[in-house]
Amino acid sequence: MEKKWRNILIFSLIGNLFIIYVAYKALDYRRHVNYFLDKYTNVVDDFSSRRTFEAENRKVEGQPASPNRVVFIGSQITHGWELEKYFPEYETINRGIVGQRLAGFVLRFQSDVVDLKPAAVVVEFSSYNFRPENSQAELRDYIKSLADMAKANGIIPILTSVVPVGPDFASEIEVPYIVQDSLNLFNRWLSSYCTEKNIPLADFAGAVSDSSGYLAKEYSAGQILLNPAGYDRISRATREVLNRNKIGAK
């Protein structure tokens, strides 16, 4: 009898120890999951810059959406664009972040565009995207995703051809990769895509190129940046598209 109870006690002790071990491992696993989840969230937030306009977005979301609200999402050219000066009759919202690539646009498109309920979004991205590690197919997929997200939410996507680089830009690249050739190839595809999908296209490249297809000196403030005359040109191209699509028309 004593042996029976001793065995029961031993098995009970082993069972309790096993339960404690399982509970400990579960808590340890949860700690690891939370650790890597926090790391992932921080990486995504840093890469996408989703928090850059967090406070400004809350203010916009608290206001009624107007039919002439237009969001401009892009990188350095958009960041430096004085939208209120060029489009005073529109409620323009600047969501440009210097140096950001298309993948970051996709990650922040919901918070920086869709949630603001604009009538249209102007998508500008720079030659900064054209690198040996970024294929044409990858860049095309990003553009398609942005256009699809806009249309799915009742927003008119206005895509823009990529502003060309300056003629001396190749000397600043450390690898044998010709940015201008890739950029031209992409712009040709973009024109065909917009025609096929009936998506408005503002031709920035055509507005500021010289006879050789490079960024014209009279519109340049650097190898990939625009001066006021350059902004005048792309603003005119954008206005034509806005007017043609009756954005904000009563």
C-alpha atoms as a PDB file:
ATOM      1  CA  MET A   1       0.000   0.000   0.000  1.00  0.00           C
ATOM      2  CA  GLU A   2       2.801   2.358   0.915  1.00  0.00           C
ATOM      3  CA  LYS A   3       4.521   1.508  -2.381  1.00  0.00           C
ATOM      4  CA  LYS A   4       1.321   2.372  -4.287  1.00  0.00           C
ATOM      5  CA  TRP A   5       1.031   5.798  -2.662  1.00  0.00           C
ATOM      6  CA  ARG A   6       4.744   6.398  -3.150  1.00  0.00           C
ATOM      7  CA  ASN A   7       4.366   5.717  -6.875  1.00  0.00           C
ATOM      8  CA  ILE A   8       1.321   7.986  -7.059  1.00  0.00           C
ATOM      9  CA  LEU A   9       3.278  10.738  -5.304  1.00  0.00           C
ATOM     10  CA  ILE A  10       6.259  10.296  -7.640  1.00  0.00           C
ATOM     11  CA  PHE A  11       4.083  10.383 -10.778  1.00  0.00           C
ATOM     12  CA  SER A  12       2.202  13.396  -9.435  1.00  0.00           C
ATOM     13  CA  LEU A  13       5.457  15.204  -8.732  1.00  0.00           C
ATOM     14  CA  ILE A  14       6.769  14.358 -12.204  1.00  0.00           C
ATOM     15  CA  GLY A  15       3.487  15.540 -13.749  1.00  0.00           C
ATOM     16  CA  ASN A  16       3.608  18.834 -11.876  1.00  0.00           C
ATOM     17  CA  LEU A  17       7.237  19.376 -12.852  1.00  0.00           C
ATOM     18  CA  PHE A  18       6.342  18.676 -16.485  1.00  0.00           C
ATOM     19  CA  ILE A  19       3.474  21.210 -16.329  1.00  0.00           C
ATOM     20  CA  ILE A  20       5.811  23.797 -14.799  1.00  0.00           C
ATOM     21  CA  TYR A  21       8.398  23.090 -17.506  1.00  0.00           C
ATOM     22  CA  VAL A  22       5.816  23.451 -20.285  1.00  0.00           C
ATOM     23  CA  ALA A  23       4.520  26.708 -18.781  1.00  0.00           C
ATOM     24  CA  TYR A  24       8.067  28.040 -18.502  1.00  0.00           C
ATOM     25  CA  LYS A  25       8.866  27.150 -22.119  1.00  0.00           C
ATOM     26  CA  ALA A  26       5.614  28.751 -23.270  1.00  0.00           C
ATOM     27  CA  LEU A  27       6.468  31.970 -21.454  1.00  0.00           C
ATOM     28  CA  ASP A  28      10.023  31.849 -22.787  1.00  0.00           C
ATOM     29  CA  TYR A  29       8.729  31.296 -26.330  1.00  0.00           C
ATOM     30  CA  ARG A  30       6.328  34.196 -25.918  1.00  0.00           C
ATOM     31  CA  ARG A  31       9.162  36.446 -24.782  1.00  0.00           C
ATOM     32  CA  HIS A  32      11.179  35.486 -27.864  1.00  0.00           C
ATOM     33  CA  VAL A  33       8.223  36.046 -30.169  1.00  0.00           C
ATOM     34  CA  ASN A  34       7.549  39.474 -28.643  1.00  0.00           C
ATOM     35  CA  TYR A  35      11.219  40.364 -28.900  1.00  0.00           C
ATOM     36  CA  PHE A  36      11.415  39.557 -32.603  1.00  0.00           C
ATOM     37  CA  LEU A  37       7.998  41.105 -33.236  1.00  0.00           C
ATOM     38  CA  ASP A  38       9.202  44.349 -31.648  1.00  0.00           C
ATOM     39  CA  LYS A  39      12.379  44.189 -33.742  1.00  0.00           C
ATOM     40  CA  TYR A  40      10.305  43.589 -36.905  1.00  0.00           C
ATOM     41  CA  THR A  41       7.914  46.427 -36.076  1.00  0.00           C
ATOM     42  CA  ASN A  42      10.790  48.832 -35.466  1.00  0.00           C
ATOM     43  CA  VAL A  43      12.475  47.865 -38.742  1.00  0.00           C
ATOM     44  CA  VAL A  44       9.228  48.300 -40.704  1.00  0.00           C
ATOM     45  CA  ASP A  45       8.475  51.621 -39.025  1.00  0.00           C
ATOM     46  CA  ASP A  46      11.996  52.933 -39.660  1.00  0.00           C
ATOM     47  CA  PHE A  47      11.978  51.756 -43.273  1.00  0.00           C
ATOM     48  CA  SER A  48       8.474  52.966 -44.080  1.00  0.00           C
ATOM     49  CA  SER A  49       8.625  56.162 -41.982  1.00  0.00           C
ATOM     50  CA  ARG A  50       4.978  55.556 -41.120  1.00  0.00           C
ATOM     51  CA  ARG A  51       5.285  57.728 -38.030  1.00  0.00           C
ATOM     52  CA  THR A  52       6.755  60.758 -39.786  1.00  0.00           C
ATOM     53  CA  PHE A  53       3.354  62.363 -40.437  1.00  0.00           C
ATOM     54  CA  GLU A  54       1.435  60.664 -37.635  1.00  0.00           C
ATOM     55  CA  ALA A  55       0.426  63.877 -35.831  1.00  0.00           C
ATOM     56  CA  GLU A  56      -0.396  65.744 -39.047  1.00  0.00           C
ATOM     57  CA  ASN A  57      -2.469  62.830 -40.325  1.00  0.00           C
ATOM     58  CA  ARG A  58      -4.591  62.811 -37.170  1.00  0.00           C
ATOM     59  CA  LYS A  59      -5.436  66.478 -37.735  1.00  0.00           C
ATOM     60  CA  VAL A  60      -6.435  65.841 -41.364  1.00  0.00           C
ATOM     61  CA  GLU A  61      -8.502  62.787 -40.450  1.00  0.00           C
ATOM     62  CA  GLY A  62     -10.473  64.929 -38.007  1.00  0.00           C
ATOM     63  CA  GLN A  63     -11.572  67.273 -40.799  1.00  0.00           C
ATOM     64  CA  PRO A  64     -14.279  66.588 -43.383  1.00  0.00           C
ATOM     65  CA  ALA A  65     -12.873  65.387 -46.700  1.00  0.00           C
ATOM     66  CA  SER A  66     -13.096  67.972 -49.469  1.00  0.00           C
ATOM     67  CA  PRO A  67     -13.497  67.190 -53.198  1.00  0.00           C
ATOM     68  CA  ASN A  68     -10.328  69.149 -54.019  1.00  0.00           C
ATOM     69  CA  ARG A  69      -8.037  67.370 -51.548  1.00  0.00           C
ATOM     70  CA  VAL A  70      -4.926  66.005 -53.268  1.00  0.00           C
ATOM     71  CA  VAL A  71      -2.118  64.095 -51.550  1.00  0.00           C
ATOM     72  CA  PHE A  72       1.374  64.220 -53.038  1.00  0.00           C
ATOM     73  CA  ILE A  73       3.477  61.236 -52.000  1.00  0.00           C
ATOM     74  CA  GLY A  74       7.099  60.986 -53.037  1.00  0.00           C
ATOM     75  CA  SER A  75      10.713  61.502 -52.123  1.00  0.00           C
ATOM     76  CA  GLN A  76      12.999  64.535 -52.295  1.00  0.00           C
ATOM     77  CA  ILE A  77      11.314  66.316 -55.198  1.00  0.00           C
ATOM     78  CA  THR A  78       7.931  66.127 -53.467  1.00  0.00           C
ATOM     79  CA  HIS A  79       9.462  67.066 -50.121  1.00  0.00           C
ATOM     80  CA  GLY A  80      10.808  70.317 -51.578  1.00  0.00           C
ATOM     81  CA  TRP A  81       7.668  71.155 -53.563  1.00  0.00           C
ATOM     82  CA  GLU A  82       5.859  74.311 -52.378  1.00  0.00           C
ATOM     83  CA  LEU A  83       2.425  72.905 -53.129  1.00  0.00           C
ATOM     84  CA  GLU A  84       0.363  75.751 -51.693  1.00  0.00           C
ATOM     85  CA  LYS A  85       2.212  78.183 -53.946  1.00  0.00           C
ATOM     86  CA  TYR A  86       1.584  76.191 -57.117  1.00  0.00           C
ATOM     87  CA  PHE A  87      -1.885  74.813 -56.344  1.00  0.00           C
ATOM     88  CA  PRO A  88      -3.653  77.418 -54.180  1.00  0.00           C
ATOM     89  CA  GLU A  89      -7.133  76.311 -55.251  1.00  0.00           C
ATOM     90  CA  TYR A  90      -6.538  72.755 -54.011  1.00  0.00           C
ATOM     91  CA  GLU A  91      -6.230  71.350 -50.530  1.00  0.00           C
ATOM     92  CA  THR A  92      -2.776  69.889 -51.051  1.00  0.00           C
ATOM     93  CA  ILE A  93      -1.112  67.554 -48.573  1.00  0.00           C
ATOM     94  CA  ASN A  94       2.629  66.970 -48.877  1.00  0.00           C
ATOM     95  CA  ARG A  95       3.800  63.499 -47.896  1.00  0.00           C
ATOM     96  CA  GLY A  96       7.285  63.582 -49.370  1.00  0.00           C
ATOM     97  CA  ILE A  97      10.205  61.972 -47.540  1.00  0.00           C
ATOM     98  CA  VAL A  98      13.761  62.599 -48.736  1.00  0.00           C
ATOM     99  CA  GLY A  99      15.548  59.506 -50.033  1.00  0.00           C
ATOM    100  CA  GLN A 100      12.661  57.074 -49.623  1.00  0.00           C
ATOM    101  CA  ARG A 101      12.148  54.313 -52.168  1.00  0.00           C
ATOM    102  CA  LEU A 102       8.944  52.867 -53.607  1.00  0.00           C
ATOM    103  CA  ALA A 103       8.769  49.979 -51.123  1.00  0.00           C
ATOM    104  CA  GLY A 104       8.441  52.540 -48.332  1.00  0.00           C
ATOM    105  CA  PHE A 105       5.587  54.237 -50.202  1.00  0.00           C
ATOM    106  CA  VAL A 106       3.686  50.956 -50.251  1.00  0.00           C
ATOM    107  CA  LEU A 107       4.101  50.451 -46.503  1.00  0.00           C
ATOM    108  CA  ARG A 108       2.860  53.940 -45.579  1.00  0.00           C
ATOM    109  CA  PHE A 109       0.261  54.391 -48.323  1.00  0.00           C
ATOM    110  CA  GLN A 110      -2.643  53.471 -46.050  1.00  0.00           C
ATOM    111  CA  SER A 111      -1.832  55.997 -43.319  1.00  0.00           C
ATOM    112  CA  ASP A 112      -0.389  58.774 -45.481  1.00  0.00           C
ATOM    113  CA  VAL A 113      -2.862  58.587 -48.379  1.00  0.00           C
ATOM    114  CA  VAL A 114      -5.900  56.312 -48.047  1.00  0.00           C
ATOM    115  CA  ASP A 115      -6.858  57.341 -44.505  1.00  0.00           C
ATOM    116  CA  LEU A 116      -6.786  61.021 -45.533  1.00  0.00           C
ATOM    117  CA  LYS A 117      -9.560  60.412 -48.118  1.00  0.00           C
ATOM    118  CA  PRO A 118      -8.212  62.579 -50.955  1.00  0.00           C
ATOM    119  CA  ALA A 119      -9.878  62.881 -54.341  1.00  0.00           C
ATOM    120  CA  ALA A 120      -6.540  62.126 -55.997  1.00  0.00           C
ATOM    121  CA  VAL A 121      -2.958  61.167 -55.169  1.00  0.00           C
ATOM    122  CA  VAL A 122       0.110  62.265 -57.133  1.00  0.00           C
ATOM    123  CA  VAL A 123       2.819  59.606 -56.912  1.00  0.00           C
ATOM    124  CA  GLU A 124       6.356  60.869 -57.527  1.00  0.00           C
ATOM    125  CA  PHE A 125       9.431  58.738 -57.146  1.00  0.00           C
ATOM    126  CA  SER A 126      12.982  59.557 -58.026  1.00  0.00           C
ATOM    127  CA  SER A 127      15.937  58.066 -59.827  1.00  0.00           C
ATOM    128  CA  TYR A 128      17.099  57.065 -56.337  1.00  0.00           C
ATOM    129  CA  ASN A 129      15.070  53.866 -56.881  1.00  0.00           C
ATOM    130  CA  PHE A 130      17.226  52.739 -59.793  1.00  0.00           C
ATOM    131  CA  ARG A 131      19.989  50.575 -58.385  1.00  0.00           C
ATOM    132  CA  PRO A 132      21.532  47.294 -59.476  1.00  0.00           C
ATOM    133  CA  GLU A 133      19.694  45.397 -56.744  1.00  0.00           C
ATOM    134  CA  ASN A 134      16.272  46.739 -57.779  1.00  0.00           C
ATOM    135  CA  SER A 135      14.924  45.074 -60.915  1.00  0.00           C
ATOM    136  CA  GLN A 136      12.534  46.712 -63.350  1.00  0.00           C
ATOM    137  CA  ALA A 137       9.940  44.054 -62.489  1.00  0.00           C
ATOM    138  CA  GLU A 138      10.159  44.926 -58.789  1.00  0.00           C
ATOM    139  CA  LEU A 139       9.684  48.643 -59.423  1.00  0.00           C
ATOM    140  CA  ARG A 140       6.770  47.940 -61.756  1.00  0.00           C
ATOM    141  CA  ASP A 141       5.078  45.812 -59.097  1.00  0.00           C
ATOM    142  CA  TYR A 142       5.372  48.633 -56.569  1.00  0.00           C
ATOM    143  CA  ILE A 143       3.777  51.115 -58.976  1.00  0.00           C
ATOM    144  CA  LYS A 144       0.961  48.686 -59.772  1.00  0.00           C
ATOM    145  CA  SER A 145       0.328  48.131 -56.064  1.00  0.00           C
ATOM    146  CA  LEU A 146       0.113  51.869 -55.368  1.00  0.00           C
ATOM    147  CA  ALA A 147      -2.263  52.448 -58.281  1.00  0.00           C
ATOM    148  CA  ASP A 148      -4.438  49.475 -57.276  1.00  0.00           C
ATOM    149  CA  MET A 149      -4.655  50.606 -53.636  1.00  0.00           C
ATOM    150  CA  ALA A 150      -5.697  54.089 -54.717  1.00  0.00           C
ATOM    151  CA  LYS A 151      -8.378  52.886 -57.121  1.00  0.00           C
ATOM    152  CA  ALA A 152      -9.707  50.340 -54.607  1.00  0.00           C
ATOM    153  CA  ASN A 153     -10.364  53.228 -52.214  1.00  0.00           C
ATOM    154  CA  GLY A 154     -11.990  55.559 -54.724  1.00  0.00           C
ATOM    155  CA  ILE A 155      -8.881  57.716 -55.147  1.00  0.00           C
ATOM    156  CA  ILE A 156      -7.663  58.774 -58.591  1.00  0.00           C
ATOM    157  CA  PRO A 157      -3.978  57.797 -58.935  1.00  0.00           C
ATOM    158  CA  ILE A 158      -1.860  60.254 -60.897  1.00  0.00           C
ATOM    159  CA  LEU A 159       1.478  58.676 -61.728  1.00  0.00           C
ATOM    160  CA  THR A 160       4.495  60.674 -62.840  1.00  0.00           C
ATOM    161  CA  SER A 161       7.370  59.803 -65.130  1.00  0.00           C
ATOM    162  CA  VAL A 162      10.726  59.815 -63.369  1.00  0.00           C
ATOM    163  CA  VAL A 163      12.743  63.035 -63.515  1.00  0.00           C
ATOM    164  CA  PRO A 164      15.985  62.206 -65.344  1.00  0.00           C
ATOM    165  CA  VAL A 165      19.412  62.551 -63.801  1.00  0.00           C
ATOM    166  CA  GLY A 166      21.981  65.119 -64.810  1.00  0.00           C
ATOM    167  CA  PRO A 167      24.495  64.303 -67.569  1.00  0.00           C
ATOM    168  CA  ASP A 168      27.352  63.897 -65.064  1.00  0.00           C
ATOM    169  CA  PHE A 169      25.440  61.601 -62.725  1.00  0.00           C
ATOM    170  CA  ALA A 170      27.203  58.447 -63.927  1.00  0.00           C
ATOM    171  CA  SER A 171      30.479  59.688 -62.416  1.00  0.00           C
ATOM    172  CA  GLU A 172      28.909  59.498 -58.944  1.00  0.00           C
ATOM    173  CA  ILE A 173      28.014  55.792 -59.223  1.00  0.00           C
ATOM    174  CA  GLU A 174      30.604  53.360 -57.878  1.00  0.00           C
ATOM    175  CA  VAL A 175      29.305  50.345 -59.831  1.00  0.00           C
ATOM    176  CA  PRO A 176      28.959  49.872 -63.607  1.00  0.00           C
ATOM    177  CA  TYR A 177      25.253  50.623 -63.694  1.00  0.00           C
ATOM    178  CA  ILE A 178      23.770  53.273 -65.982  1.00  0.00           C
ATOM    179  CA  VAL A 179      20.857  54.849 -64.129  1.00  0.00           C
ATOM    180  CA  GLN A 180      19.630  56.880 -67.085  1.00  0.00           C
ATOM    181  CA  ASP A 181      19.189  53.799 -69.289  1.00  0.00           C
ATOM    182  CA  SER A 182      17.142  52.006 -66.624  1.00  0.00           C
ATOM    183  CA  LEU A 183      15.154  55.154 -65.977  1.00  0.00           C
ATOM    184  CA  ASN A 184      14.295  55.597 -69.648  1.00  0.00           C
ATOM    185  CA  LEU A 185      13.245  51.959 -69.927  1.00  0.00           C
ATOM    186  CA  PHE A 186      10.981  52.343 -66.908  1.00  0.00           C
ATOM    187  CA  ASN A 187       9.421  55.569 -68.193  1.00  0.00           C
ATOM    188  CA  ARG A 188       8.557  53.869 -71.491  1.00  0.00           C
ATOM    189  CA  TRP A 189       6.878  51.027 -69.632  1.00  0.00           C
ATOM    190  CA  LEU A 190       5.053  53.478 -67.350  1.00  0.00           C
ATOM    191  CA  SER A 191       3.590  55.360 -70.308  1.00  0.00           C
ATOM    192  CA  SER A 192       2.275  52.129 -71.830  1.00  0.00           C
ATOM    193  CA  TYR A 193       0.920  50.925 -68.489  1.00  0.00           C
ATOM    194  CA  CYS A 194      -0.965  54.161 -67.843  1.00  0.00           C
ATOM    195  CA  THR A 195      -2.458  54.080 -71.333  1.00  0.00           C
ATOM    196  CA  GLU A 196      -3.509  50.445 -70.934  1.00  0.00           C
ATOM    197  CA  LYS A 197      -5.066  50.968 -67.484  1.00  0.00           C
ATOM    198  CA  ASN A 198      -6.457  54.445 -68.210  1.00  0.00           C
ATOM    199  CA  ILE A 199      -4.412  55.968 -65.390  1.00  0.00           C
ATOM    200  CA  PRO A 200      -3.515  59.693 -65.580  1.00  0.00           C
ATOM    201  CA  LEU A 201       0.172  60.348 -66.184  1.00  0.00           C
ATOM    202  CA  ALA A 202       2.009  63.619 -65.548  1.00  0.00           C
ATOM    203  CA  ASP A 203       5.106  63.662 -67.735  1.00  0.00           C
ATOM    204  CA  PHE A 204       7.754  65.115 -65.436  1.00  0.00           C
ATOM    205  CA  ALA A 205      10.576  63.696 -67.522  1.00  0.00           C
ATOM    206  CA  GLY A 206       9.359  65.395 -70.684  1.00  0.00           C
ATOM    207  CA  ALA A 207       8.890  68.661 -68.813  1.00  0.00           C
ATOM    208  CA  VAL A 208      12.477  69.003 -67.582  1.00  0.00           C
ATOM    209  CA  SER A 209      14.625  67.002 -70.029  1.00  0.00           C
ATOM    210  CA  ASP A 210      17.166  68.455 -72.425  1.00  0.00           C
ATOM    211  CA  SER A 211      17.557  67.328 -76.051  1.00  0.00           C
ATOM    212  CA  SER A 212      19.639  64.334 -74.907  1.00  0.00           C
ATOM    213  CA  GLY A 213      17.096  63.187 -72.344  1.00  0.00           C
ATOM    214  CA  TYR A 214      19.035  64.300 -69.268  1.00  0.00           C
ATOM    215  CA  LEU A 215      17.878  66.763 -66.627  1.00  0.00           C
ATOM    216  CA  ALA A 216      18.296  70.162 -68.292  1.00  0.00           C
ATOM    217  CA  LYS A 217      20.683  72.539 -66.530  1.00  0.00           C
ATOM    218  CA  GLU A 218      18.140  75.373 -66.549  1.00  0.00           C
ATOM    219  CA  TYR A 219      15.819  73.234 -64.404  1.00  0.00           C
ATOM    220  CA  SER A 220      18.432  71.612 -62.200  1.00  0.00           C
ATOM    221  CA  ALA A 221      19.534  72.321 -58.635  1.00  0.00           C
ATOM    222  CA  GLY A 222      21.770  69.250 -58.579  1.00  0.00           C
ATOM    223  CA  GLN A 223      22.102  65.866 -60.226  1.00  0.00           C
ATOM    224  CA  ILE A 224      18.582  64.775 -59.248  1.00  0.00           C
ATOM    225  CA  LEU A 225      17.037  67.940 -57.784  1.00  0.00           C
ATOM    226  CA  LEU A 226      14.945  70.713 -59.326  1.00  0.00           C
ATOM    227  CA  ASN A 227      15.315  74.478 -59.066  1.00  0.00           C
ATOM    228  CA  PRO A 228      12.311  76.841 -59.014  1.00  0.00           C
ATOM    229  CA  ALA A 229      12.117  76.809 -62.829  1.00  0.00           C
ATOM    230  CA  GLY A 230      12.012  73.014 -62.717  1.00  0.00           C
ATOM    231  CA  TYR A 231       9.216  73.067 -60.162  1.00  0.00           C
ATOM    232  CA  ASP A 232       7.329  75.480 -62.406  1.00  0.00           C
ATOM    233  CA  ARG A 233       7.521  72.928 -65.202  1.00  0.00           C
ATOM    234  CA  ILE A 234       6.373  69.863 -63.242  1.00  0.00           C
ATOM    235  CA  SER A 235       3.646  71.930 -61.564  1.00  0.00           C
ATOM    236  CA  ARG A 236       2.315  72.897 -64.965  1.00  0.00           C
ATOM    237  CA  ALA A 237       2.332  69.249 -66.071  1.00  0.00           C
ATOM    238  CA  THR A 238       0.506  68.227 -62.890  1.00  0.00           C
ATOM    239  CA  ARG A 239      -2.076  70.989 -63.196  1.00  0.00           C
ATOM    240  CA  GLU A 240      -2.908  69.883 -66.728  1.00  0.00           C
ATOM    241  CA  VAL A 241      -3.667  66.381 -65.466  1.00  0.00           C
ATOM    242  CA  LEU A 242      -5.707  67.643 -62.511  1.00  0.00           C
ATOM    243  CA  ASN A 243      -7.771  69.856 -64.809  1.00  0.00           C
ATOM    244  CA  ARG A 244      -8.203  67.151 -67.421  1.00  0.00           C
ATOM    245  CA  ASN A 245      -9.541  64.748 -64.784  1.00  0.00           C
ATOM    246  CA  LYS A 246     -11.729  67.447 -63.202  1.00  0.00           C
ATOM    247  CA  ILE A 247     -10.255  66.974 -59.733  1.00  0.00           C
ATOM    248  CA  GLY A 248     -12.157  69.224 -57.368  1.00  0.00           C
ATOM    249  CA  ALA A 249     -14.606  70.332 -60.068  1.00  0.00           C
ATOM    250  CA  LYS A 250     -18.007  71.308 -58.756  1.00  0.00           C
END
